[in-house]
C-alpha atoms as a PDB file:
ATOM      1  CA  MET A   1     -16.521 -16.865 -16.978  1.00  0.00           C
ATOM      2  CA  LYS A   2     -13.256 -14.337 -16.347  1.00  0.00           C
ATOM      3  CA  TYR A   3     -10.747 -13.460 -18.752  1.00  0.00           C
ATOM      4  CA  PHE A   4      -7.327 -11.831 -18.023  1.00  0.00           C
ATOM      5  CA  ILE A   5      -5.041  -9.560 -19.944  1.00  0.00           C
ATOM      6  CA  SER A   6      -1.821  -8.122 -20.056  1.00  0.00           C
ATOM      7  CA  PRO A   7      -1.468  -4.094 -19.453  1.00  0.00           C
ATOM      8  CA  SER A   8      -0.030  -1.658 -22.041  1.00  0.00           C
ATOM      9  CA  MET A   9       3.426   0.321 -21.545  1.00  0.00           C
ATOM     10  CA  LYS A  10       1.594   3.255 -23.366  1.00  0.00           C
ATOM     11  CA  MET A  11      -0.471   4.986 -20.913  1.00  0.00           C
ATOM     12  CA  LYS A  12      -1.866   8.417 -20.234  1.00  0.00           C
ATOM     13  CA  PRO A  13      -5.032   9.406 -18.288  1.00  0.00           C
ATOM     14  CA  GLY A  14      -8.417   8.903 -20.092  1.00  0.00           C
ATOM     15  CA  GLU A  15     -11.647  10.947 -20.095  1.00  0.00           C
ATOM     16  CA  ASN A  16     -14.211   9.090 -18.474  1.00  0.00           C
ATOM     17  CA  PHE A  17     -17.554   8.342 -20.116  1.00  0.00           C
ATOM     18  CA  THR A  18     -19.303   6.105 -17.867  1.00  0.00           C
ATOM     19  CA  SER A  19     -20.500   6.432 -14.173  1.00  0.00           C
ATOM     20  CA  LEU A  20     -19.330   2.872 -13.315  1.00  0.00           C
ATOM     21  CA  GLN A  21     -16.512   2.693 -10.581  1.00  0.00           C
ATOM     22  CA  GLN A  22     -14.382  -0.151  -8.897  1.00  0.00           C
ATOM     23  CA  GLU A  23     -12.159  -0.092  -6.120  1.00  0.00           C
ATOM     24  CA  LEU A  24      -8.140  -1.322  -5.875  1.00  0.00           C
ATOM     25  CA  LEU A  25      -8.139  -4.991  -5.352  1.00  0.00           C
ATOM     26  CA  PHE A  26      -4.777  -5.112  -3.704  1.00  0.00           C
ATOM     27  CA  PRO A  27      -4.720  -1.642  -1.771  1.00  0.00           C
ATOM     28  CA  LYS A  28      -2.083  -2.559   0.781  1.00  0.00           C
ATOM     29  CA  ALA A  29      -0.022  -4.609  -1.462  1.00  0.00           C
ATOM     30  CA  THR A  30       0.093  -1.960  -4.327  1.00  0.00           C
ATOM     31  CA  SER A  31       1.161   0.636  -1.509  1.00  0.00           C
ATOM     32  CA  GLU A  32       3.998  -1.615  -0.749  1.00  0.00           C
ATOM     33  CA  VAL A  33       5.287  -1.970  -4.324  1.00  0.00           C
ATOM     34  CA  ILE A  34       4.757   1.982  -4.784  1.00  0.00           C
ATOM     35  CA  ASN A  35       7.000   2.304  -1.549  1.00  0.00           C
ATOM     36  CA  SER A  36       9.709   0.043  -3.042  1.00  0.00           C
ATOM     37  CA  LEU A  37       9.475   1.799  -6.315  1.00  0.00           C
ATOM     38  CA  GLN A  38       9.647   5.144  -4.704  1.00  0.00           C
ATOM     39  CA  ALA A  39      12.392   4.252  -2.347  1.00  0.00           C
ATOM     40  CA  LEU A  40      15.052   3.860  -5.654  1.00  0.00           C
ATOM     41  CA  ASN A  41      16.497   6.986  -6.847  1.00  0.00           C
ATOM     42  CA  ASP A  42      16.022   8.181 -10.469  1.00  0.00           C
ATOM     43  CA  GLN A  43      19.351   6.187 -12.042  1.00  0.00           C
ATOM     44  CA  GLN A  44      18.300   2.895 -10.183  1.00  0.00           C
ATOM     45  CA  ARG A  45      14.838   3.202 -11.352  1.00  0.00           C
ATOM     46  CA  GLN A  46      16.078   4.032 -14.922  1.00  0.00           C
ATOM     47  CA  ASN A  47      18.409   0.473 -14.468  1.00  0.00           C
ATOM     48  CA  LEU A  48      15.180  -1.248 -13.497  1.00  0.00           C
ATOM     49  CA  TRP A  49      13.261  -0.101 -16.609  1.00  0.00           C
ATOM     50  CA  ALA A  50      16.389  -0.617 -18.998  1.00  0.00           C
ATOM     51  CA  CYS A  51      14.896   2.443 -20.912  1.00  0.00           C
ATOM     52  CA  SER A  52      16.297   5.517 -22.553  1.00  0.00           C
ATOM     53  CA  ASP A  53      16.877   8.931 -20.518  1.00  0.00           C
ATOM     54  CA  ARG A  54      13.749  10.257 -22.310  1.00  0.00           C
ATOM     55  CA  VAL A  55      11.399   7.466 -21.151  1.00  0.00           C
ATOM     56  CA  ALA A  56      12.921   7.371 -17.890  1.00  0.00           C
ATOM     57  CA  GLN A  57      12.322  11.050 -17.155  1.00  0.00           C
ATOM     58  CA  GLU A  58       8.767  10.798 -17.711  1.00  0.00           C
ATOM     59  CA  ALA A  59       8.489   7.602 -15.503  1.00  0.00           C
ATOM     60  CA  ASN A  60      10.056   8.877 -12.867  1.00  0.00           C
ATOM     61  CA  GLU A  61       7.843  11.796 -12.856  1.00  0.00           C
ATOM     62  CA  TRP A  62       4.893   9.213 -12.848  1.00  0.00           C
ATOM     63  CA  THR A  63       6.823   7.546  -9.803  1.00  0.00           C
ATOM     64  CA  HIS A  64       7.052  10.477  -7.768  1.00  0.00           C
ATOM     65  CA  GLN A  65       3.381  10.978  -7.962  1.00  0.00           C
ATOM     66  CA  LEU A  66       2.224   7.885  -7.487  1.00  0.00           C
ATOM     67  CA  SER A  67      -0.361   7.204  -4.415  1.00  0.00           C
ATOM     68  CA  ILE A  68      -3.290   4.626  -3.799  1.00  0.00           C
ATOM     69  CA  ASP A  69      -5.131   7.901  -2.669  1.00  0.00           C
ATOM     70  CA  ALA A  70      -4.245  10.234  -5.900  1.00  0.00           C
ATOM     71  CA  PRO A  71      -6.702  10.664  -8.487  1.00  0.00           C
ATOM     72  CA  GLY A  72      -6.722   8.634 -11.397  1.00  0.00           C
ATOM     73  CA  SER A  73      -8.546   7.717 -14.498  1.00  0.00           C
ATOM     74  CA  PRO A  74     -10.469   4.062 -15.266  1.00  0.00           C
ATOM     75  CA  ALA A  75      -7.688   1.601 -16.502  1.00  0.00           C
ATOM     76  CA  ILE A  76      -9.510   0.566 -19.327  1.00  0.00           C
ATOM     77  CA  LEU A  77      -8.727   4.019 -20.549  1.00  0.00           C
ATOM     78  CA  THR A  78      -5.519   4.746 -18.992  1.00  0.00           C
ATOM     79  CA  TYR A  79      -4.092   1.901 -21.042  1.00  0.00           C
ATOM     80  CA  GLN A  80      -3.760   2.898 -24.323  1.00  0.00           C
ATOM     81  CA  GLY A  81      -1.789   0.068 -26.349  1.00  0.00           C
ATOM     82  CA  ILE A  82      -2.851  -1.355 -29.537  1.00  0.00           C
ATOM     83  CA  GLN A  83      -4.821  -4.023 -27.507  1.00  0.00           C
ATOM     84  CA  TYR A  84      -6.984  -1.424 -25.862  1.00  0.00           C
ATOM     85  CA  GLN A  85      -7.544   0.448 -29.030  1.00  0.00           C
ATOM     86  CA  ALA A  86      -9.053  -2.544 -30.543  1.00  0.00           C
ATOM     87  CA  MET A  87     -11.198  -3.442 -27.592  1.00  0.00           C
ATOM     88  CA  ALA A  88     -12.620   0.153 -28.241  1.00  0.00           C
ATOM     89  CA  PRO A  89     -14.608   0.495 -24.565  1.00  0.00           C
ATOM     90  CA  ASP A  90     -15.981   3.725 -25.731  1.00  0.00           C
ATOM     91  CA  LEU A  91     -18.111   2.113 -28.141  1.00  0.00           C
ATOM     92  CA  MET A  92     -19.613  -0.487 -25.912  1.00  0.00           C
ATOM     93  CA  THR A  93     -23.197  -0.020 -24.445  1.00  0.00           C
ATOM     94  CA  GLU A  94     -23.715   0.663 -20.606  1.00  0.00           C
ATOM     95  CA  GLU A  95     -24.687  -3.316 -20.381  1.00  0.00           C
ATOM     96  CA  GLN A  96     -21.568  -4.178 -22.335  1.00  0.00           C
ATOM     97  CA  LEU A  97     -19.450  -2.107 -19.922  1.00  0.00           C
ATOM     98  CA  GLU A  98     -20.747  -3.757 -17.102  1.00  0.00           C
ATOM     99  CA  ARG A  99     -20.091  -6.950 -18.471  1.00  0.00           C
ATOM    100  CA  LEU A 100     -16.638  -5.783 -18.897  1.00  0.00           C
ATOM    101  CA  ALA A 101     -16.581  -4.607 -15.400  1.00  0.00           C
ATOM    102  CA  ASP A 102     -17.390  -8.121 -13.941  1.00  0.00           C
ATOM    103  CA  ARG A 103     -15.702 -10.297 -16.280  1.00  0.00           C
ATOM    104  CA  LEU A 104     -12.192  -8.713 -17.306  1.00  0.00           C
ATOM    105  CA  ARG A 105      -9.076  -8.247 -15.182  1.00  0.00           C
ATOM    106  CA  ILE A 106      -5.724  -6.665 -15.960  1.00  0.00           C
ATOM    107  CA  VAL A 107      -2.670  -8.384 -14.805  1.00  0.00           C
ATOM    108  CA  SER A 108      -0.191  -5.149 -13.417  1.00  0.00           C
ATOM    109  CA  GLY A 109       3.356  -5.273 -12.084  1.00  0.00           C
ATOM    110  CA  LEU A 110       2.199  -2.177  -9.959  1.00  0.00           C
ATOM    111  CA  TYR A 111      -1.466  -3.158  -8.908  1.00  0.00           C
ATOM    112  CA  GLY A 112      -1.451  -7.042  -9.295  1.00  0.00           C
ATOM    113  CA  LEU A 113      -4.845  -7.394 -10.913  1.00  0.00           C
ATOM    114  CA  VAL A 114      -7.124  -4.188 -12.024  1.00  0.00           C
ATOM    115  CA  ALA A 115     -10.712  -4.327 -12.845  1.00  0.00           C
ATOM    116  CA  PRO A 116     -11.466  -2.210 -15.850  1.00  0.00           C
ATOM    117  CA  PHE A 117     -13.011   0.912 -14.204  1.00  0.00           C
ATOM    118  CA  VAL A 118     -10.698   1.077 -11.151  1.00  0.00           C
ATOM    119  CA  GLN A 119      -9.020   4.515 -10.921  1.00  0.00           C
ATOM    120  CA  ILE A 120      -5.331   4.040 -11.876  1.00  0.00           C
ATOM    121  CA  GLN A 121      -2.310   6.595 -12.546  1.00  0.00           C
ATOM    122  CA  PRO A 122      -0.123   6.375 -15.272  1.00  0.00           C
ATOM    123  CA  TYR A 123       3.131   4.289 -14.257  1.00  0.00           C
ATOM    124  CA  ARG A 124       6.132   1.824 -15.562  1.00  0.00           C
ATOM    125  CA  LEU A 125       6.533  -1.452 -14.030  1.00  0.00           C
ATOM    126  CA  GLU A 126       6.645  -4.491 -16.095  1.00  0.00           C
ATOM    127  CA  MET A 127       5.944  -7.722 -14.207  1.00  0.00           C
ATOM    128  CA  LYS A 128       9.269  -9.245 -15.356  1.00  0.00           C
ATOM    129  CA  ALA A 129      11.199  -6.253 -13.325  1.00  0.00           C
ATOM    130  CA  SER A 130      13.598  -7.345 -10.576  1.00  0.00           C
ATOM    131  CA  LEU A 131      11.977  -5.055  -8.080  1.00  0.00           C
ATOM    132  CA  SER A 132      12.159  -6.585  -4.432  1.00  0.00           C
ATOM    133  CA  VAL A 133       9.106  -6.027  -2.375  1.00  0.00           C
ATOM    134  CA  GLN A 134       8.680  -6.945   1.328  1.00  0.00           C
ATOM    135  CA  ALA A 135      11.380  -9.548   1.060  1.00  0.00           C
ATOM    136  CA  ARG A 136      10.353 -11.146  -2.059  1.00  0.00           C
ATOM    137  CA  PRO A 137      12.913 -11.247  -4.855  1.00  0.00           C
ATOM    138  CA  ASP A 138      10.752 -10.120  -7.554  1.00  0.00           C
ATOM    139  CA  LEU A 139       7.256  -9.467  -8.687  1.00  0.00           C
ATOM    140  CA  TYR A 140       6.150 -12.633  -9.641  1.00  0.00           C
ATOM    141  CA  HIS A 141       7.119 -13.928  -6.274  1.00  0.00           C
ATOM    142  CA  PHE A 142       5.219 -11.047  -4.623  1.00  0.00           C
ATOM    143  CA  TRP A 143       1.826 -10.873  -6.774  1.00  0.00           C
ATOM    144  CA  GLY A 144       1.563 -14.739  -7.795  1.00  0.00           C
ATOM    145  CA  GLN A 145      -0.209 -16.316  -5.287  1.00  0.00           C
ATOM    146  CA  ARG A 146      -2.589 -13.075  -4.664  1.00  0.00           C
ATOM    147  CA  LEU A 147      -3.349 -13.265  -8.607  1.00  0.00           C
ATOM    148  CA  TYR A 148      -4.251 -16.718  -8.542  1.00  0.00           C
ATOM    149  CA  GLU A 149      -6.620 -16.910  -5.579  1.00  0.00           C
ATOM    150  CA  LYS A 150      -8.392 -13.766  -7.003  1.00  0.00           C
ATOM    151  CA  LEU A 151      -8.840 -15.103 -10.791  1.00  0.00           C
ATOM    152  CA  PHE A 152     -10.158 -18.406  -9.328  1.00  0.00           C
ATOM    153  CA  GLU A 153     -11.976 -17.620  -6.049  1.00  0.00           C
ATOM    154  CA  ASP A 154     -15.119 -18.229  -7.869  1.00  0.00           C
ATOM    155  CA  HIS A 155     -14.246 -21.606  -9.535  1.00  0.00           C
ATOM    156  CA  ASP A 156     -14.907 -20.094 -13.051  1.00  0.00           C
ATOM    157  CA  VAL A 157     -13.675 -21.162 -16.139  1.00  0.00           C
ATOM    158  CA  VAL A 158     -10.830 -18.560 -16.631  1.00  0.00           C
ATOM    159  CA  LEU A 159      -9.591 -17.313 -20.236  1.00  0.00           C
ATOM    160  CA  ASN A 160      -6.026 -16.464 -20.564  1.00  0.00           C
ATOM    161  CA  LEU A 161      -5.550 -13.672 -23.015  1.00  0.00           C
ATOM    162  CA  ALA A 162      -2.152 -12.030 -21.999  1.00  0.00           C
ATOM    163  CA  SER A 163       1.200 -12.404 -23.011  1.00  0.00           C
ATOM    164  CA  LYS A 164       3.755 -15.109 -21.439  1.00  0.00           C
ATOM    165  CA  GLU A 165       4.979 -12.110 -19.407  1.00  0.00           C
ATOM    166  CA  TYR A 166       2.061 -12.019 -17.220  1.00  0.00           C
ATOM    167  CA  SER A 167       0.654 -15.275 -17.484  1.00  0.00           C
ATOM    168  CA  ARG A 168       3.621 -16.611 -16.104  1.00  0.00           C
ATOM    169  CA  ALA A 169       2.501 -14.909 -12.500  1.00  0.00           C
ATOM    170  CA  ILE A 170      -0.422 -17.145 -12.403  1.00  0.00           C
ATOM    171  CA  SER A 171       0.548 -20.185 -13.971  1.00  0.00           C
ATOM    172  CA  PRO A 172       2.600 -21.690 -11.374  1.00  0.00           C
ATOM    173  CA  TYR A 173      -0.179 -21.985  -8.780  1.00  0.00           C
ATOM    174  CA  LEU A 174      -2.552 -23.757 -10.744  1.00  0.00           C
ATOM    175  CA  GLN A 175      -4.206 -26.465  -9.293  1.00  0.00           C
ATOM    176  CA  THR A 176      -5.502 -29.845 -10.961  1.00  0.00           C
ATOM    177  CA  ASP A 177      -9.186 -28.718 -10.748  1.00  0.00           C
ATOM    178  CA  ASP A 178      -8.749 -25.380 -12.186  1.00  0.00           C
ATOM    179  CA  HIS A 179      -9.857 -24.595 -15.561  1.00  0.00           C
ATOM    180  CA  LEU A 180      -7.763 -22.121 -17.481  1.00  0.00           C
ATOM    181  CA  ILE A 181      -7.893 -21.840 -21.162  1.00  0.00           C
ATOM    182  CA  THR A 182      -5.230 -19.791 -22.794  1.00  0.00           C
ATOM    183  CA  ILE A 183      -6.168 -18.445 -26.158  1.00  0.00           C
ATOM    184  CA  GLU A 184      -3.479 -18.383 -28.658  1.00  0.00           C
ATOM    185  CA  LEU A 185      -3.814 -16.000 -31.863  1.00  0.00           C
ATOM    186  CA  LEU A 186      -2.264 -17.139 -35.075  1.00  0.00           C
ATOM    187  CA  THR A 187      -1.373 -16.411 -38.527  1.00  0.00           C
ATOM    188  CA  ASP A 188      -0.730 -18.877 -41.234  1.00  0.00           C
ATOM    189  CA  LYS A 189       1.839 -17.623 -43.286  1.00  0.00           C
ATOM    190  CA  HIS A 190       3.191 -19.547 -46.517  1.00  0.00           C
ATOM    191  CA  GLY A 191       2.114 -22.730 -44.138  1.00  0.00           C
ATOM    192  CA  LYS A 192       4.385 -21.461 -41.090  1.00  0.00           C
ATOM    193  CA  LEU A 193       2.241 -20.167 -37.916  1.00  0.00           C
ATOM    194  CA  THR A 194       3.489 -17.363 -36.497  1.00  0.00           C
ATOM    195  CA  GLN A 195       2.411 -14.775 -34.147  1.00  0.00           C
ATOM    196  CA  PRO A 196       3.220 -11.095 -35.253  1.00  0.00           C
ATOM    197  CA  SER A 197       3.145  -8.798 -32.106  1.00  0.00           C
ATOM    198  CA  THR A 198       1.062  -6.321 -33.439  1.00  0.00           C
ATOM    199  CA  ALA A 199      -1.549  -8.493 -35.069  1.00  0.00           C
ATOM    200  CA  VAL A 200      -1.774 -10.354 -31.615  1.00  0.00           C
ATOM    201  CA  LYS A 201      -2.226  -7.278 -29.468  1.00  0.00           C
ATOM    202  CA  GLN A 202      -5.005  -6.099 -31.868  1.00  0.00           C
ATOM    203  CA  ALA A 203      -6.658  -9.633 -31.882  1.00  0.00           C
ATOM    204  CA  ARG A 204      -6.665  -9.576 -28.223  1.00  0.00           C
ATOM    205  CA  GLY A 205      -8.619  -6.654 -27.967  1.00  0.00           C
ATOM    206  CA  PHE A 206     -10.805  -7.946 -30.703  1.00  0.00           C
ATOM    207  CA  PHE A 207     -11.601 -11.032 -28.743  1.00  0.00           C
ATOM    208  CA  VAL A 208     -12.090  -9.330 -25.159  1.00  0.00           C
ATOM    209  CA  ARG A 209     -14.707  -7.172 -27.244  1.00  0.00           C
ATOM    210  CA  ASP A 210     -16.508 -10.073 -28.987  1.00  0.00           C
ATOM    211  CA  LEU A 211     -16.666 -11.896 -25.607  1.00  0.00           C
ATOM    212  CA  VAL A 212     -18.718  -9.067 -24.246  1.00  0.00           C
ATOM    213  CA  GLU A 213     -20.805  -7.857 -27.249  1.00  0.00           C
ATOM    214  CA  ARG A 214     -21.957 -11.744 -27.394  1.00  0.00           C
ATOM    215  CA  ASN A 215     -22.127 -12.109 -24.069  1.00  0.00           C
ATOM    216  CA  VAL A 216     -20.071 -15.298 -24.022  1.00  0.00           C
ATOM    217  CA  THR A 217     -20.417 -17.637 -20.534  1.00  0.00           C
ATOM    218  CA  THR A 218     -20.074 -20.983 -22.035  1.00  0.00           C
ATOM    219  CA  ILE A 219     -16.501 -22.912 -23.278  1.00  0.00           C
ATOM    220  CA  GLU A 220     -18.635 -23.748 -26.726  1.00  0.00           C
ATOM    221  CA  ALA A 221     -19.305 -20.091 -27.291  1.00  0.00           C
ATOM    222  CA  VAL A 222     -15.695 -18.867 -27.097  1.00  0.00           C
ATOM    223  CA  LYS A 223     -14.861 -21.156 -30.191  1.00  0.00           C
ATOM    224  CA  ASP A 224     -17.363 -19.184 -32.471  1.00  0.00           C
ATOM    225  CA  PHE A 225     -14.750 -16.002 -32.178  1.00  0.00           C
ATOM    226  CA  SER A 226     -14.424 -15.124 -35.939  1.00  0.00           C
ATOM    227  CA  VAL A 227     -13.283 -11.369 -35.921  1.00  0.00           C
ATOM    228  CA  ALA A 228     -10.527 -10.365 -38.472  1.00  0.00           C
ATOM    229  CA  GLY A 229     -10.438 -13.800 -40.374  1.00  0.00           C
ATOM    230  CA  TYR A 230      -9.744 -15.831 -37.404  1.00  0.00           C
ATOM    231  CA  GLN A 231     -11.296 -19.155 -36.925  1.00  0.00           C
ATOM    232  CA  PHE A 232     -11.209 -21.696 -34.309  1.00  0.00           C
ATOM    233  CA  GLU A 233      -8.714 -24.839 -35.057  1.00  0.00           C
ATOM    234  CA  THR A 234      -9.987 -27.928 -33.387  1.00  0.00           C
ATOM    235  CA  GLU A 235      -7.159 -30.287 -34.410  1.00  0.00           C
ATOM    236  CA  LEU A 236      -4.788 -28.167 -33.113  1.00  0.00           C
ATOM    237  CA  SER A 237      -6.538 -27.126 -29.855  1.00  0.00           C
ATOM    238  CA  SER A 238      -6.941 -28.708 -26.624  1.00  0.00           C
ATOM    239  CA  SER A 239      -9.220 -28.581 -23.527  1.00  0.00           C
ATOM    240  CA  THR A 240      -6.491 -26.160 -22.142  1.00  0.00           C
ATOM    241  CA  VAL A 241      -5.559 -24.061 -25.253  1.00  0.00           C
ATOM    242  CA  PHE A 242      -7.714 -22.984 -27.952  1.00  0.00           C
ATOM    243  CA  LYS A 243      -5.937 -21.907 -31.065  1.00  0.00           C
ATOM    244  CA  PHE A 244      -7.617 -19.654 -33.484  1.00  0.00           C
ATOM    245  CA  ILE A 245      -5.896 -19.124 -36.951  1.00  0.00           C
ATOM    246  CA  ARG A 246      -5.967 -16.537 -39.937  1.00  0.00           C
ATOM    247  CA  ASN A 247      -4.526 -16.633 -43.116  1.00  0.00           C
ATOM    248  CA  GLY A 248      -1.846 -14.356 -43.715  1.00  0.00           C
ATOM    249  CA  GLU A 249      -0.374 -12.082 -46.802  1.00  0.00           C
ATOM    250  CA  LYS A 250       0.223 -14.347 -49.634  1.00  0.00           C
END
């Protein structure tokens, strides 16, 4: 079983606490993306990012330093958004970290697909960015087939815990015999099912942590997730979409 998640915009080098190391999955393709991004001037990149001057200044500094040969820190520690805080890899045992390394992948606009203990650098590049690379019009067209083939190369069950922006890179390539299960984490507020952004990001982190802690390897065991009040909803779920619902504030 494998599972994939989105990256986070919030990034900074993290302090390593494990000897686990992994290699880039797509070094050549990553270099091509870096070259395309670095070929733009600072203003063109800011337009691509659609961000403030302050954010663009830091992101441009990051971009100038990008190289697959430059030192970095493990991806699971470099991404520091809500999802990653909830995952709390620094509290995992060595055995749990090894499971995380084997089963979790992070979809990235820059790196394509990242294993948790690959050394990466801070960057700014969303998958939806209209960056042309190697005559491909955008990152979805550049990365999509590669990501799909890598995730399903072992014909495993794959859990989708990513946002639509990132899962979109993979879904067009799915074949009828692939087993992808999308995990939806919902809040029932006064009878209406919603997906509050912060709550969903946090819950995705909890979900990954739970999968690793319980050493989940079967579809039935996935349904037993019950952290933070979430419960599997049989009637609303299907073989390809598992819905977990919690009660919101009254």
